């Protein structure tokens, strides 16, 4: 979480805002509204904000990966190996982290999703 302004007059804009409400999260969390902008204010000029680094949490992420391997003997010293791998098996939408720059027009919104379902197959001839 950053304020986006140089309120402390230190020459950098990576300072923190003040949290004024008990919970920084929106009443009903969604991708369009994860953080409550009313929960924060810019600190007074010449002062640092009360928030610390990494003080808000993004949405949870669930990922289940699976793999299956099977070897088939062709001859005494030859075999075929089949491998199937699946990433994000249940195809759940895992949202990214919210925008944490307090001066951004998209503050508190989640603009990305990660981990699409990926399937890959492989066939290997061993001799």
C-alpha atoms as a PDB file:
ATOM      1  CA  UNK A   1       0.000   0.000   0.000  1.00  0.00           C
ATOM      2  CA  UNK A   2       1.493   3.338  -1.030  1.00  0.00           C
ATOM      3  CA  UNK A   3       0.071   6.842  -0.818  1.00  0.00           C
ATOM      4  CA  UNK A   4       1.399   7.829  -4.264  1.00  0.00           C
ATOM      5  CA  UNK A   5       2.364  11.300  -3.003  1.00  0.00           C
ATOM      6  CA  UNK A   6       5.390  12.762  -1.245  1.00  0.00           C
ATOM      7  CA  UNK A   7       3.579  13.873   1.930  1.00  0.00           C
ATOM      8  CA  UNK A   8       6.660  13.562   4.136  1.00  0.00           C
ATOM      9  CA  UNK A   9       8.642  15.832   1.760  1.00  0.00           C
ATOM     10  CA  UNK A  10      11.408  13.239   1.513  1.00  0.00           C
ATOM     11  CA  UNK A  11      11.635  13.136  -2.290  1.00  0.00           C
ATOM     12  CA  UNK A  12       9.931   9.758  -2.793  1.00  0.00           C
ATOM     13  CA  UNK A  13       6.330   8.717  -3.443  1.00  0.00           C
ATOM     14  CA  UNK A  14       6.522   5.259  -1.870  1.00  0.00           C
ATOM     15  CA  UNK A  15       5.105   6.418   1.471  1.00  0.00           C
ATOM     16  CA  UNK A  16       2.039   4.990   3.203  1.00  0.00           C
ATOM     17  CA  UNK A  17      -1.428   6.436   3.832  1.00  0.00           C
ATOM     18  CA  UNK A  18      -3.229   6.522   7.199  1.00  0.00           C
ATOM     19  CA  UNK A  19      -5.843   3.869   7.899  1.00  0.00           C
ATOM     20  CA  UNK A  20      -8.893   5.491   9.533  1.00  0.00           C
ATOM     21  CA  UNK A  21     -11.389   2.594   9.604  1.00  0.00           C
ATOM     22  CA  UNK A  22     -10.956  -0.653  11.520  1.00  0.00           C
ATOM     23  CA  UNK A  23     -11.152  -2.809   8.370  1.00  0.00           C
ATOM     24  CA  UNK A  24      -9.499  -1.729   5.111  1.00  0.00           C
ATOM     25  CA  UNK A  25     -11.644  -4.143   3.060  1.00  0.00           C
ATOM     26  CA  UNK A  26     -14.886  -3.433   1.205  1.00  0.00           C
ATOM     27  CA  UNK A  27     -18.099  -4.657   2.849  1.00  0.00           C
ATOM     28  CA  UNK A  28     -18.767  -6.959  -0.111  1.00  0.00           C
ATOM     29  CA  UNK A  29     -15.467  -7.974  -1.664  1.00  0.00           C
ATOM     30  CA  UNK A  30     -15.281  -8.497  -5.408  1.00  0.00           C
ATOM     31  CA  UNK A  31     -12.772  -7.862  -8.169  1.00  0.00           C
ATOM     32  CA  UNK A  32     -14.256  -4.377  -8.722  1.00  0.00           C
ATOM     33  CA  UNK A  33     -14.147  -3.512  -5.012  1.00  0.00           C
ATOM     34  CA  UNK A  34     -11.606  -5.315  -2.825  1.00  0.00           C
ATOM     35  CA  UNK A  35     -10.360  -2.429  -0.664  1.00  0.00           C
ATOM     36  CA  UNK A  36     -12.524   0.353   0.763  1.00  0.00           C
ATOM     37  CA  UNK A  37     -11.081   3.749  -0.341  1.00  0.00           C
ATOM     38  CA  UNK A  38     -12.898   5.445   2.577  1.00  0.00           C
ATOM     39  CA  UNK A  39     -10.722   3.453   4.995  1.00  0.00           C
ATOM     40  CA  UNK A  40      -7.635   5.499   4.066  1.00  0.00           C
ATOM     41  CA  UNK A  41      -6.590   9.160   4.012  1.00  0.00           C
ATOM     42  CA  UNK A  42      -3.417  10.919   2.938  1.00  0.00           C
ATOM     43  CA  UNK A  43      -1.178  11.880   5.900  1.00  0.00           C
ATOM     44  CA  UNK A  44      -0.644  15.538   6.723  1.00  0.00           C
ATOM     45  CA  UNK A  45       2.144  17.346   4.886  1.00  0.00           C
ATOM     46  CA  UNK A  46       5.486  16.717   6.557  1.00  0.00           C
ATOM     47  CA  UNK A  47       4.371  13.460   8.209  1.00  0.00           C
ATOM     48  CA  UNK A  48       4.515   9.764   7.392  1.00  0.00           C
ATOM     49  CA  UNK A  49       1.409   7.584   7.228  1.00  0.00           C
ATOM     50  CA  UNK A  50       0.473   4.980   9.820  1.00  0.00           C
ATOM     51  CA  UNK A  51       0.166   2.014   7.434  1.00  0.00           C
ATOM     52  CA  UNK A  52       3.077  -0.324   7.049  1.00  0.00           C
ATOM     53  CA  UNK A  53       4.333  -2.308   4.069  1.00  0.00           C
ATOM     54  CA  UNK A  54       2.310  -5.367   3.007  1.00  0.00           C
ATOM     55  CA  UNK A  55      -0.546  -4.627   5.445  1.00  0.00           C
ATOM     56  CA  UNK A  56      -3.463  -5.707   3.242  1.00  0.00           C
ATOM     57  CA  UNK A  57      -4.168  -9.165   1.877  1.00  0.00           C
ATOM     58  CA  UNK A  58      -5.234 -10.114  -1.595  1.00  0.00           C
ATOM     59  CA  UNK A  59      -7.724 -12.865  -2.389  1.00  0.00           C
ATOM     60  CA  UNK A  60      -6.952 -16.491  -1.635  1.00  0.00           C
ATOM     61  CA  UNK A  61      -5.569 -18.717  -4.341  1.00  0.00           C
ATOM     62  CA  UNK A  62      -6.378 -22.398  -4.872  1.00  0.00           C
ATOM     63  CA  UNK A  63      -4.334 -24.465  -7.284  1.00  0.00           C
ATOM     64  CA  UNK A  64      -4.452 -28.228  -7.772  1.00  0.00           C
ATOM     65  CA  UNK A  65      -1.949 -29.827 -10.145  1.00  0.00           C
ATOM     66  CA  UNK A  66      -1.879 -33.492 -11.171  1.00  0.00           C
ATOM     67  CA  UNK A  67       0.343 -35.794 -13.161  1.00  0.00           C
ATOM     68  CA  UNK A  68      -0.024 -39.336 -14.461  1.00  0.00           C
ATOM     69  CA  UNK A  69       2.730 -41.517 -15.925  1.00  0.00           C
ATOM     70  CA  UNK A  70       2.496 -44.980 -17.443  1.00  0.00           C
ATOM     71  CA  UNK A  71       5.276 -47.063 -19.001  1.00  0.00           C
ATOM     72  CA  UNK A  72       4.562 -49.820 -21.562  1.00  0.00           C
ATOM     73  CA  UNK A  73       7.204 -52.473 -22.270  1.00  0.00           C
ATOM     74  CA  UNK A  74       7.672 -52.989 -26.041  1.00  0.00           C
ATOM     75  CA  UNK A  75      10.704 -55.323 -26.079  1.00  0.00           C
ATOM     76  CA  UNK A  76      13.309 -56.403 -23.564  1.00  0.00           C
ATOM     77  CA  UNK A  77      15.231 -53.084 -23.621  1.00  0.00           C
ATOM     78  CA  UNK A  78      12.612 -50.835 -25.206  1.00  0.00           C
ATOM     79  CA  UNK A  79       9.607 -49.101 -23.710  1.00  0.00           C
ATOM     80  CA  UNK A  80       7.158 -46.307 -24.367  1.00  0.00           C
ATOM     81  CA  UNK A  81       6.344 -43.859 -21.602  1.00  0.00           C
ATOM     82  CA  UNK A  82       3.140 -41.806 -21.649  1.00  0.00           C
ATOM     83  CA  UNK A  83       2.811 -38.759 -19.398  1.00  0.00           C
ATOM     84  CA  UNK A  84      -0.203 -36.479 -18.834  1.00  0.00           C
ATOM     85  CA  UNK A  85      -0.018 -33.371 -16.657  1.00  0.00           C
ATOM     86  CA  UNK A  86      -2.755 -30.922 -15.710  1.00  0.00           C
ATOM     87  CA  UNK A  87      -2.260 -27.584 -13.952  1.00  0.00           C
ATOM     88  CA  UNK A  88      -5.187 -25.857 -12.184  1.00  0.00           C
ATOM     89  CA  UNK A  89      -7.328 -28.990 -12.576  1.00  0.00           C
ATOM     90  CA  UNK A  90     -10.635 -27.530 -11.266  1.00  0.00           C
ATOM     91  CA  UNK A  91     -10.113 -24.448 -13.504  1.00  0.00           C
ATOM     92  CA  UNK A  92     -10.717 -22.014 -10.647  1.00  0.00           C
ATOM     93  CA  UNK A  93     -10.311 -18.294 -11.275  1.00  0.00           C
ATOM     94  CA  UNK A  94      -7.503 -17.104  -9.030  1.00  0.00           C
ATOM     95  CA  UNK A  95      -7.665 -13.330  -8.815  1.00  0.00           C
ATOM     96  CA  UNK A  96      -4.485 -11.277  -8.667  1.00  0.00           C
ATOM     97  CA  UNK A  97      -3.714  -8.649  -6.030  1.00  0.00           C
ATOM     98  CA  UNK A  98      -5.572  -5.328  -5.850  1.00  0.00           C
ATOM     99  CA  UNK A  99      -4.106  -2.011  -6.977  1.00  0.00           C
ATOM    100  CA  UNK A 100      -2.526  -0.512  -3.847  1.00  0.00           C
ATOM    101  CA  UNK A 101      -1.501   2.947  -5.098  1.00  0.00           C
ATOM    102  CA  UNK A 102      -3.895   5.252  -3.216  1.00  0.00           C
ATOM    103  CA  UNK A 103      -3.801   7.948  -5.928  1.00  0.00           C
ATOM    104  CA  UNK A 104      -4.630   5.479  -8.733  1.00  0.00           C
ATOM    105  CA  UNK A 105      -8.103   5.609 -10.315  1.00  0.00           C
ATOM    106  CA  UNK A 106      -8.267   1.822  -9.907  1.00  0.00           C
ATOM    107  CA  UNK A 107      -7.287   1.780  -6.203  1.00  0.00           C
ATOM    108  CA  UNK A 108      -8.657  -1.298  -4.441  1.00  0.00           C
ATOM    109  CA  UNK A 109      -9.698  -3.036  -7.674  1.00  0.00           C
ATOM    110  CA  UNK A 110      -8.334  -6.341  -8.941  1.00  0.00           C
ATOM    111  CA  UNK A 111      -7.415  -6.088 -12.614  1.00  0.00           C
ATOM    112  CA  UNK A 112      -5.862  -9.492 -13.264  1.00  0.00           C
ATOM    113  CA  UNK A 113      -6.392 -13.197 -12.872  1.00  0.00           C
ATOM    114  CA  UNK A 114      -3.754 -15.913 -12.906  1.00  0.00           C
ATOM    115  CA  UNK A 115      -3.311 -19.600 -13.529  1.00  0.00           C
ATOM    116  CA  UNK A 116      -5.459 -20.773 -16.445  1.00  0.00           C
ATOM    117  CA  UNK A 117      -5.966 -24.520 -16.843  1.00  0.00           C
ATOM    118  CA  UNK A 118      -3.096 -26.063 -18.779  1.00  0.00           C
ATOM    119  CA  UNK A 119      -2.953 -29.643 -20.053  1.00  0.00           C
ATOM    120  CA  UNK A 120       0.122 -31.253 -21.569  1.00  0.00           C
ATOM    121  CA  UNK A 121       0.764 -34.721 -22.926  1.00  0.00           C
ATOM    122  CA  UNK A 122       4.065 -36.412 -23.675  1.00  0.00           C
ATOM    123  CA  UNK A 123       5.098 -39.658 -25.303  1.00  0.00           C
ATOM    124  CA  UNK A 124       8.674 -40.952 -24.978  1.00  0.00           C
ATOM    125  CA  UNK A 125      10.291 -43.942 -26.655  1.00  0.00           C
ATOM    126  CA  UNK A 126      13.127 -45.354 -24.527  1.00  0.00           C
ATOM    127  CA  UNK A 127      15.706 -47.661 -26.161  1.00  0.00           C
END
